[in-house]
Amino acid sequence: MNESQKAKEPVKVLYIDDEDNNLIAFKAAFRRDFKVFTAQSADEARDILKNNENFDVIITDQRMPKETGVEFLVSILDSYPDPIRILLTGYSDIEAVIDAINEGQVYRYITKPWNEEDLRNTIKNAAEVHRLRKQNEILLQKLEKANQQLEFLLRQKLLD
């Protein structure tokens, strides 16, 4: 799949929240703009991640039973380093925000209830950051290959 085909794919968003009403509201608000997946727990989210590739954005509620949003984000970092992470919470827990930024590599912290337009723009911006990071990876690989080829040619020239 080339870059222009990839650019036409809808942004894939995974939203994790233990409150069913929030999951329903999120899907209703954003299903026309993004390809939305929802999970009611961190374990369910891990299953979705295993069965689907290439999420652009992961949004998680901070306060969930068994595992906080930050704990979840930290736990998936090694296996899924690429998606941009957003933390949602109804609580103004500054410690969670600091942990999220430092440990979970969170792009943005948003308080509940979310403002629909603000969250939509945040997801779009996060997806753009994700896309640009992927493009940079590809360009770096091409540059590395070009450098290797130049080094080879230079060695050949020195041997002549």
N, C-alpha and C. Protein backbone atom coordinates (compact mmCIF):
# COMPACT_ATOMS: atom_id res chain seq x y z
N MET A 1 0.85 -1.18 0.00
CA MET A 1 0.00 0.00 0.00
C MET A 1 0.89 1.23 0.00
N ASN A 2 0.64 2.12 -0.93
CA ASN A 2 1.47 3.32 -1.01
C ASN A 2 0.94 4.41 -0.07
N GLU A 3 1.69 5.51 0.01
CA GLU A 3 1.35 6.58 0.95
C GLU A 3 0.00 7.22 0.67
N SER A 4 -0.35 7.40 -0.60
CA SER A 4 -1.63 8.05 -0.91
C SER A 4 -2.81 7.16 -0.52
N GLN A 5 -2.65 5.83 -0.67
CA GLN A 5 -3.70 4.92 -0.23
C GLN A 5 -3.82 4.95 1.28
N LYS A 6 -2.68 4.96 1.97
CA LYS A 6 -2.68 5.01 3.43
C LYS A 6 -3.35 6.29 3.93
N ALA A 7 -3.10 7.39 3.25
CA ALA A 7 -3.67 8.68 3.66
C ALA A 7 -5.19 8.67 3.54
N LYS A 8 -5.75 7.86 2.65
CA LYS A 8 -7.19 7.80 2.46
C LYS A 8 -7.89 6.91 3.49
N GLU A 9 -7.13 6.08 4.19
CA GLU A 9 -7.71 5.21 5.21
C GLU A 9 -8.22 6.06 6.37
N PRO A 10 -9.35 5.66 6.96
CA PRO A 10 -9.83 6.42 8.11
C PRO A 10 -8.89 6.25 9.31
N VAL A 11 -8.83 7.26 10.13
CA VAL A 11 -8.04 7.22 11.35
C VAL A 11 -8.65 6.17 12.27
N LYS A 12 -7.80 5.25 12.77
CA LYS A 12 -8.28 4.19 13.67
C LYS A 12 -8.05 4.62 15.12
N VAL A 13 -9.15 4.67 15.87
CA VAL A 13 -9.12 5.13 17.25
C VAL A 13 -9.64 4.02 18.16
N LEU A 14 -8.90 3.75 19.23
CA LEU A 14 -9.35 2.83 20.27
C LEU A 14 -9.65 3.64 21.52
N TYR A 15 -10.90 3.53 22.02
CA TYR A 15 -11.31 4.26 23.22
C TYR A 15 -11.64 3.26 24.31
N ILE A 16 -11.00 3.42 25.48
CA ILE A 16 -11.19 2.52 26.62
C ILE A 16 -11.81 3.30 27.77
N ASP A 17 -12.94 2.79 28.26
CA ASP A 17 -13.64 3.44 29.39
C ASP A 17 -14.53 2.38 30.03
N ASP A 18 -14.53 2.33 31.34
CA ASP A 18 -15.34 1.32 32.04
C ASP A 18 -16.82 1.70 32.09
N GLU A 19 -17.15 2.92 31.73
CA GLU A 19 -18.55 3.36 31.74
C GLU A 19 -19.16 3.20 30.36
N ASP A 20 -20.13 2.30 30.26
CA ASP A 20 -20.76 1.97 28.99
C ASP A 20 -21.36 3.20 28.31
N ASN A 21 -21.97 4.10 29.09
CA ASN A 21 -22.58 5.30 28.49
C ASN A 21 -21.54 6.17 27.78
N ASN A 22 -20.34 6.24 28.34
CA ASN A 22 -19.27 7.02 27.70
C ASN A 22 -18.83 6.37 26.38
N LEU A 23 -18.79 5.04 26.37
CA LEU A 23 -18.41 4.32 25.15
C LEU A 23 -19.44 4.58 24.04
N ILE A 24 -20.71 4.51 24.42
CA ILE A 24 -21.80 4.74 23.46
C ILE A 24 -21.74 6.18 22.94
N ALA A 25 -21.57 7.13 23.85
CA ALA A 25 -21.52 8.54 23.45
C ALA A 25 -20.32 8.82 22.55
N PHE A 26 -19.17 8.22 22.87
CA PHE A 26 -17.97 8.42 22.06
C PHE A 26 -18.18 7.89 20.65
N LYS A 27 -18.67 6.66 20.57
CA LYS A 27 -18.89 6.05 19.25
C LYS A 27 -19.91 6.85 18.44
N ALA A 28 -20.98 7.29 19.09
CA ALA A 28 -22.00 8.08 18.39
C ALA A 28 -21.43 9.40 17.88
N ALA A 29 -20.58 10.03 18.67
CA ALA A 29 -20.04 11.34 18.31
C ALA A 29 -18.98 11.27 17.21
N PHE A 30 -18.21 10.17 17.17
CA PHE A 30 -17.02 10.17 16.31
C PHE A 30 -16.99 9.09 15.22
N ARG A 31 -18.02 8.26 15.14
CA ARG A 31 -17.99 7.16 14.17
C ARG A 31 -17.99 7.62 12.71
N ARG A 32 -18.49 8.81 12.45
CA ARG A 32 -18.48 9.32 11.07
C ARG A 32 -17.13 9.89 10.67
N ASP A 33 -16.36 10.31 11.65
CA ASP A 33 -15.05 10.91 11.37
C ASP A 33 -13.90 9.91 11.41
N PHE A 34 -14.05 8.87 12.25
CA PHE A 34 -12.95 7.94 12.49
C PHE A 34 -13.47 6.51 12.52
N LYS A 35 -12.56 5.56 12.37
CA LYS A 35 -12.91 4.15 12.56
C LYS A 35 -12.72 3.88 14.05
N VAL A 36 -13.84 3.78 14.77
CA VAL A 36 -13.81 3.74 16.24
C VAL A 36 -13.96 2.30 16.74
N PHE A 37 -13.06 1.94 17.66
CA PHE A 37 -13.14 0.70 18.39
C PHE A 37 -13.28 1.09 19.86
N THR A 38 -14.09 0.34 20.62
CA THR A 38 -14.26 0.65 22.04
C THR A 38 -14.02 -0.60 22.88
N ALA A 39 -13.57 -0.35 24.10
CA ALA A 39 -13.34 -1.44 25.05
C ALA A 39 -13.75 -0.95 26.43
N GLN A 40 -14.31 -1.88 27.22
CA GLN A 40 -14.78 -1.52 28.54
C GLN A 40 -13.75 -1.82 29.64
N SER A 41 -12.61 -2.39 29.24
CA SER A 41 -11.55 -2.68 30.21
C SER A 41 -10.21 -2.71 29.49
N ALA A 42 -9.15 -2.66 30.27
CA ALA A 42 -7.81 -2.74 29.71
C ALA A 42 -7.59 -4.09 29.04
N ASP A 43 -8.10 -5.16 29.64
CA ASP A 43 -7.93 -6.50 29.05
C ASP A 43 -8.64 -6.60 27.70
N GLU A 44 -9.85 -6.06 27.63
CA GLU A 44 -10.59 -6.06 26.37
C GLU A 44 -9.84 -5.23 25.32
N ALA A 45 -9.25 -4.13 25.74
CA ALA A 45 -8.47 -3.29 24.82
C ALA A 45 -7.26 -4.04 24.29
N ARG A 46 -6.59 -4.81 25.15
CA ARG A 46 -5.44 -5.60 24.70
C ARG A 46 -5.86 -6.62 23.64
N ASP A 47 -7.02 -7.24 23.84
CA ASP A 47 -7.52 -8.20 22.84
C ASP A 47 -7.78 -7.49 21.50
N ILE A 48 -8.37 -6.31 21.56
CA ILE A 48 -8.63 -5.55 20.33
C ILE A 48 -7.31 -5.20 19.64
N LEU A 49 -6.31 -4.77 20.42
CA LEU A 49 -5.01 -4.44 19.85
C LEU A 49 -4.37 -5.66 19.18
N LYS A 50 -4.50 -6.83 19.80
CA LYS A 50 -3.93 -8.06 19.23
C LYS A 50 -4.59 -8.43 17.91
N ASN A 51 -5.88 -8.17 17.79
CA ASN A 51 -6.65 -8.61 16.62
C ASN A 51 -6.79 -7.55 15.53
N ASN A 52 -6.30 -6.36 15.77
CA ASN A 52 -6.38 -5.28 14.78
C ASN A 52 -5.03 -4.59 14.72
N GLU A 53 -4.66 -4.20 13.54
CA GLU A 53 -3.36 -3.57 13.36
C GLU A 53 -3.46 -2.06 13.24
N ASN A 54 -2.36 -1.43 13.54
CA ASN A 54 -2.14 -0.04 13.15
C ASN A 54 -3.15 0.97 13.69
N PHE A 55 -3.34 1.00 14.97
CA PHE A 55 -4.15 2.07 15.54
C PHE A 55 -3.35 3.36 15.47
N ASP A 56 -4.05 4.43 15.14
CA ASP A 56 -3.40 5.73 15.08
C ASP A 56 -3.43 6.42 16.45
N VAL A 57 -4.56 6.27 17.15
CA VAL A 57 -4.78 6.96 18.42
C VAL A 57 -5.41 6.00 19.43
N ILE A 58 -4.91 6.05 20.66
CA ILE A 58 -5.52 5.31 21.77
C ILE A 58 -5.92 6.32 22.83
N ILE A 59 -7.19 6.28 23.20
CA ILE A 59 -7.72 7.19 24.22
C ILE A 59 -8.20 6.31 25.37
N THR A 60 -7.79 6.64 26.57
CA THR A 60 -8.22 5.84 27.71
C THR A 60 -8.64 6.73 28.88
N ASP A 61 -9.65 6.25 29.58
CA ASP A 61 -10.05 6.88 30.83
C ASP A 61 -9.00 6.55 31.88
N GLN A 62 -8.72 7.46 32.78
CA GLN A 62 -7.74 7.21 33.83
C GLN A 62 -8.29 6.31 34.92
N ARG A 63 -9.49 6.60 35.40
CA ARG A 63 -10.04 5.87 36.54
C ARG A 63 -10.88 4.70 36.08
N MET A 64 -10.27 3.50 36.15
CA MET A 64 -10.98 2.28 35.80
C MET A 64 -10.66 1.23 36.86
N PRO A 65 -11.58 0.28 37.07
CA PRO A 65 -11.29 -0.79 38.03
C PRO A 65 -10.13 -1.66 37.53
N LYS A 66 -9.41 -2.24 38.43
CA LYS A 66 -8.28 -3.15 38.15
C LYS A 66 -7.02 -2.44 37.67
N GLU A 67 -7.15 -1.52 36.70
CA GLU A 67 -5.98 -0.92 36.08
C GLU A 67 -6.31 0.50 35.64
N THR A 68 -5.45 1.46 36.01
CA THR A 68 -5.69 2.84 35.59
C THR A 68 -5.32 3.00 34.11
N GLY A 69 -5.75 4.10 33.54
CA GLY A 69 -5.39 4.38 32.16
C GLY A 69 -3.89 4.48 31.96
N VAL A 70 -3.20 5.12 32.90
CA VAL A 70 -1.74 5.25 32.81
C VAL A 70 -1.09 3.87 32.88
N GLU A 71 -1.54 3.03 33.81
CA GLU A 71 -0.98 1.68 33.92
C GLU A 71 -1.18 0.90 32.62
N PHE A 72 -2.36 1.05 32.02
CA PHE A 72 -2.62 0.38 30.74
C PHE A 72 -1.67 0.89 29.66
N LEU A 73 -1.53 2.20 29.54
CA LEU A 73 -0.67 2.78 28.51
C LEU A 73 0.78 2.33 28.68
N VAL A 74 1.25 2.31 29.92
CA VAL A 74 2.61 1.86 30.19
C VAL A 74 2.77 0.39 29.80
N SER A 75 1.75 -0.42 30.10
CA SER A 75 1.84 -1.87 29.84
C SER A 75 1.89 -2.22 28.35
N ILE A 76 1.36 -1.37 27.50
CA ILE A 76 1.34 -1.67 26.05
C ILE A 76 2.43 -0.94 25.28
N LEU A 77 3.20 -0.14 25.96
CA LEU A 77 4.19 0.71 25.28
C LEU A 77 5.19 -0.08 24.45
N ASP A 78 5.71 -1.17 24.99
CA ASP A 78 6.70 -1.96 24.24
C ASP A 78 6.09 -2.65 23.03
N SER A 79 4.88 -3.18 23.18
CA SER A 79 4.24 -3.91 22.08
C SER A 79 3.61 -2.99 21.04
N TYR A 80 3.13 -1.84 21.51
CA TYR A 80 2.43 -0.89 20.62
C TYR A 80 2.97 0.52 20.85
N PRO A 81 4.19 0.78 20.39
CA PRO A 81 4.80 2.09 20.66
C PRO A 81 4.29 3.22 19.77
N ASP A 82 3.68 2.90 18.64
CA ASP A 82 3.37 3.92 17.65
C ASP A 82 2.12 4.76 17.88
N PRO A 83 1.00 4.18 18.35
CA PRO A 83 -0.20 5.02 18.48
C PRO A 83 0.01 6.20 19.41
N ILE A 84 -0.64 7.30 19.06
CA ILE A 84 -0.60 8.49 19.90
C ILE A 84 -1.60 8.27 21.04
N ARG A 85 -1.20 8.65 22.25
CA ARG A 85 -1.98 8.37 23.45
C ARG A 85 -2.63 9.63 24.01
N ILE A 86 -3.90 9.49 24.39
CA ILE A 86 -4.65 10.59 25.00
C ILE A 86 -5.29 10.04 26.27
N LEU A 87 -5.17 10.79 27.36
CA LEU A 87 -5.75 10.38 28.63
C LEU A 87 -6.96 11.26 28.95
N LEU A 88 -8.07 10.61 29.28
CA LEU A 88 -9.30 11.30 29.68
C LEU A 88 -9.59 11.00 31.14
N THR A 89 -10.01 11.99 31.87
CA THR A 89 -10.43 11.72 33.24
C THR A 89 -11.40 12.79 33.72
N GLY A 90 -12.28 12.38 34.59
CA GLY A 90 -13.23 13.31 35.19
C GLY A 90 -12.68 13.91 36.46
N TYR A 91 -11.51 13.48 36.83
CA TYR A 91 -10.90 13.94 38.07
C TYR A 91 -9.70 14.82 37.75
N SER A 92 -9.48 15.81 38.57
CA SER A 92 -8.30 16.66 38.35
C SER A 92 -7.16 16.12 39.20
N ASP A 93 -6.67 14.98 38.82
CA ASP A 93 -5.61 14.27 39.52
C ASP A 93 -4.28 14.61 38.87
N ILE A 94 -3.59 15.60 39.40
CA ILE A 94 -2.35 16.09 38.80
C ILE A 94 -1.28 15.01 38.78
N GLU A 95 -1.26 14.14 39.78
CA GLU A 95 -0.28 13.05 39.82
C GLU A 95 -0.47 12.10 38.63
N ALA A 96 -1.73 11.83 38.29
CA ALA A 96 -2.03 10.97 37.14
C ALA A 96 -1.55 11.62 35.85
N VAL A 97 -1.72 12.91 35.76
CA VAL A 97 -1.29 13.63 34.56
C VAL A 97 0.24 13.56 34.43
N ILE A 98 0.93 13.80 35.51
CA ILE A 98 2.40 13.74 35.49
C ILE A 98 2.86 12.33 35.13
N ASP A 99 2.26 11.30 35.75
CA ASP A 99 2.61 9.92 35.44
C ASP A 99 2.34 9.61 33.97
N ALA A 100 1.20 10.09 33.48
CA ALA A 100 0.82 9.81 32.09
C ALA A 100 1.85 10.38 31.12
N ILE A 101 2.26 11.59 31.38
CA ILE A 101 3.22 12.25 30.49
C ILE A 101 4.58 11.57 30.59
N ASN A 102 5.02 11.29 31.80
CA ASN A 102 6.36 10.73 32.00
C ASN A 102 6.46 9.25 31.66
N GLU A 103 5.46 8.47 32.04
CA GLU A 103 5.55 7.02 31.89
C GLU A 103 4.80 6.49 30.68
N GLY A 104 3.63 7.04 30.43
CA GLY A 104 2.78 6.50 29.38
C GLY A 104 2.92 7.20 28.05
N GLN A 105 3.81 8.18 27.97
CA GLN A 105 4.03 8.95 26.75
C GLN A 105 2.72 9.48 26.17
N VAL A 106 2.00 10.22 27.00
CA VAL A 106 0.70 10.75 26.61
C VAL A 106 0.86 12.05 25.85
N TYR A 107 0.17 12.15 24.74
CA TYR A 107 0.20 13.32 23.86
C TYR A 107 -0.61 14.47 24.46
N ARG A 108 -1.78 14.12 25.03
CA ARG A 108 -2.65 15.17 25.58
C ARG A 108 -3.51 14.59 26.69
N TYR A 109 -3.83 15.43 27.64
CA TYR A 109 -4.69 15.10 28.77
C TYR A 109 -5.96 15.93 28.62
N ILE A 110 -7.12 15.28 28.67
CA ILE A 110 -8.40 15.97 28.50
C ILE A 110 -9.32 15.61 29.65
N THR A 111 -10.01 16.60 30.19
CA THR A 111 -10.93 16.34 31.30
C THR A 111 -12.32 15.98 30.77
N LYS A 112 -13.00 15.16 31.56
CA LYS A 112 -14.40 14.81 31.26
C LYS A 112 -15.28 15.81 31.98
N PRO A 113 -16.44 16.09 31.49
CA PRO A 113 -16.93 15.66 30.18
C PRO A 113 -16.18 16.40 29.08
N TRP A 114 -15.88 15.69 28.01
CA TRP A 114 -15.11 16.29 26.92
C TRP A 114 -15.98 17.22 26.09
N ASN A 115 -15.31 18.18 25.48
CA ASN A 115 -15.94 19.05 24.50
C ASN A 115 -15.76 18.33 23.16
N GLU A 116 -16.87 18.02 22.50
CA GLU A 116 -16.82 17.18 21.30
C GLU A 116 -15.91 17.74 20.21
N GLU A 117 -16.03 19.02 19.93
CA GLU A 117 -15.22 19.62 18.87
C GLU A 117 -13.74 19.65 19.26
N ASP A 118 -13.45 19.95 20.51
CA ASP A 118 -12.07 19.95 21.00
C ASP A 118 -11.47 18.56 20.90
N LEU A 119 -12.22 17.55 21.30
CA LEU A 119 -11.71 16.18 21.24
C LEU A 119 -11.54 15.73 19.78
N ARG A 120 -12.46 16.10 18.93
CA ARG A 120 -12.35 15.76 17.50
C ARG A 120 -11.06 16.36 16.92
N ASN A 121 -10.82 17.63 17.21
CA ASN A 121 -9.60 18.29 16.72
C ASN A 121 -8.35 17.67 17.33
N THR A 122 -8.42 17.29 18.59
CA THR A 122 -7.28 16.65 19.24
C THR A 122 -6.97 15.31 18.57
N ILE A 123 -8.01 14.54 18.26
CA ILE A 123 -7.80 13.25 17.59
C ILE A 123 -7.21 13.47 16.20
N LYS A 124 -7.74 14.44 15.47
CA LYS A 124 -7.20 14.74 14.14
C LYS A 124 -5.73 15.15 14.22
N ASN A 125 -5.40 16.00 15.18
CA ASN A 125 -4.02 16.45 15.35
C ASN A 125 -3.11 15.28 15.76
N ALA A 126 -3.61 14.43 16.65
CA ALA A 126 -2.83 13.27 17.08
C ALA A 126 -2.59 12.32 15.90
N ALA A 127 -3.60 12.12 15.07
CA ALA A 127 -3.45 11.25 13.90
C ALA A 127 -2.43 11.84 12.92
N GLU A 128 -2.41 13.15 12.80
CA GLU A 128 -1.43 13.81 11.93
C GLU A 128 -0.02 13.62 12.48
N VAL A 129 0.15 13.72 13.79
CA VAL A 129 1.45 13.46 14.41
C VAL A 129 1.87 12.02 14.12
N HIS A 130 0.94 11.10 14.27
CA HIS A 130 1.21 9.68 13.99
C HIS A 130 1.66 9.50 12.54
N ARG A 131 0.94 10.11 11.61
CA ARG A 131 1.25 10.00 10.19
C ARG A 131 2.65 10.57 9.89
N LEU A 132 2.94 11.72 10.46
CA LEU A 132 4.25 12.35 10.25
C LEU A 132 5.39 11.52 10.83
N ARG A 133 5.16 10.91 11.98
CA ARG A 133 6.18 10.03 12.56
C ARG A 133 6.46 8.85 11.65
N LYS A 134 5.40 8.27 11.09
CA LYS A 134 5.55 7.14 10.17
C LYS A 134 6.33 7.58 8.92
N GLN A 135 5.99 8.75 8.38
CA GLN A 135 6.70 9.27 7.21
C GLN A 135 8.18 9.47 7.54
N ASN A 136 8.46 10.00 8.73
CA ASN A 136 9.85 10.21 9.14
C ASN A 136 10.60 8.89 9.22
N GLU A 137 9.96 7.85 9.74
CA GLU A 137 10.59 6.53 9.82
C GLU A 137 10.97 6.04 8.42
N ILE A 138 10.05 6.19 7.48
CA ILE A 138 10.29 5.75 6.11
C ILE A 138 11.44 6.55 5.49
N LEU A 139 11.42 7.86 5.69
CA LEU A 139 12.49 8.71 5.14
C LEU A 139 13.84 8.38 5.76
N LEU A 140 13.86 8.10 7.06
CA LEU A 140 15.12 7.73 7.71
C LEU A 140 15.65 6.41 7.18
N GLN A 141 14.75 5.45 6.93
CA GLN A 141 15.18 4.17 6.35
C GLN A 141 15.77 4.38 4.96
N LYS A 142 15.13 5.23 4.15
CA LYS A 142 15.64 5.51 2.81
C LYS A 142 17.00 6.21 2.88
N LEU A 143 17.12 7.14 3.82
CA LEU A 143 18.39 7.86 3.98
C LEU A 143 19.50 6.91 4.42
N GLU A 144 19.17 6.02 5.33
CA GLU A 144 20.15 5.04 5.80
C GLU A 144 20.61 4.14 4.65
N LYS A 145 19.66 3.71 3.83
CA LYS A 145 20.00 2.87 2.67
C LYS A 145 20.88 3.65 1.69
N ALA A 146 20.52 4.91 1.43
CA ALA A 146 21.31 5.73 0.51
C ALA A 146 22.72 5.94 1.06
N ASN A 147 22.85 6.13 2.37
CA ASN A 147 24.17 6.30 2.97
C ASN A 147 25.00 5.04 2.84
N GLN A 148 24.37 3.89 3.03
CA GLN A 148 25.09 2.62 2.87
C GLN A 148 25.57 2.44 1.44
N GLN A 149 24.74 2.81 0.48
CA GLN A 149 25.12 2.71 -0.92
C GLN A 149 26.28 3.66 -1.24
N LEU A 150 26.22 4.87 -0.69
CA LEU A 150 27.30 5.83 -0.91
C LEU A 150 28.61 5.34 -0.29
N GLU A 151 28.52 4.77 0.91
CA GLU A 151 29.72 4.23 1.56
C GLU A 151 30.31 3.10 0.72
N PHE A 152 29.46 2.25 0.18
CA PHE A 152 29.92 1.16 -0.67
C PHE A 152 30.64 1.71 -1.91
N LEU A 153 30.01 2.69 -2.56
CA LEU A 153 30.63 3.29 -3.74
C LEU A 153 31.95 3.97 -3.41
N LEU A 154 32.00 4.63 -2.29
CA LEU A 154 33.24 5.28 -1.87
C LEU A 154 34.35 4.27 -1.63
N ARG A 155 34.02 3.15 -0.97
CA ARG A 155 35.01 2.09 -0.74
C ARG A 155 35.49 1.51 -2.08
N GLN A 156 34.57 1.33 -3.02
CA GLN A 156 34.93 0.83 -4.34
C GLN A 156 35.89 1.80 -5.03
N LYS A 157 35.59 3.06 -4.92
CA LYS A 157 36.42 4.11 -5.55
C LYS A 157 37.80 4.12 -4.92
N LEU A 158 37.89 3.95 -3.60
CA LEU A 158 39.18 3.96 -2.91
C LEU A 158 39.99 2.73 -3.26
N LEU A 159 39.33 1.62 -3.58
CA LEU A 159 40.05 0.40 -3.93
C LEU A 159 40.60 0.45 -5.35
N ASP A 160 40.01 1.29 -6.20
CA ASP A 160 40.45 1.38 -7.61
C ASP A 160 41.80 2.02 -7.75
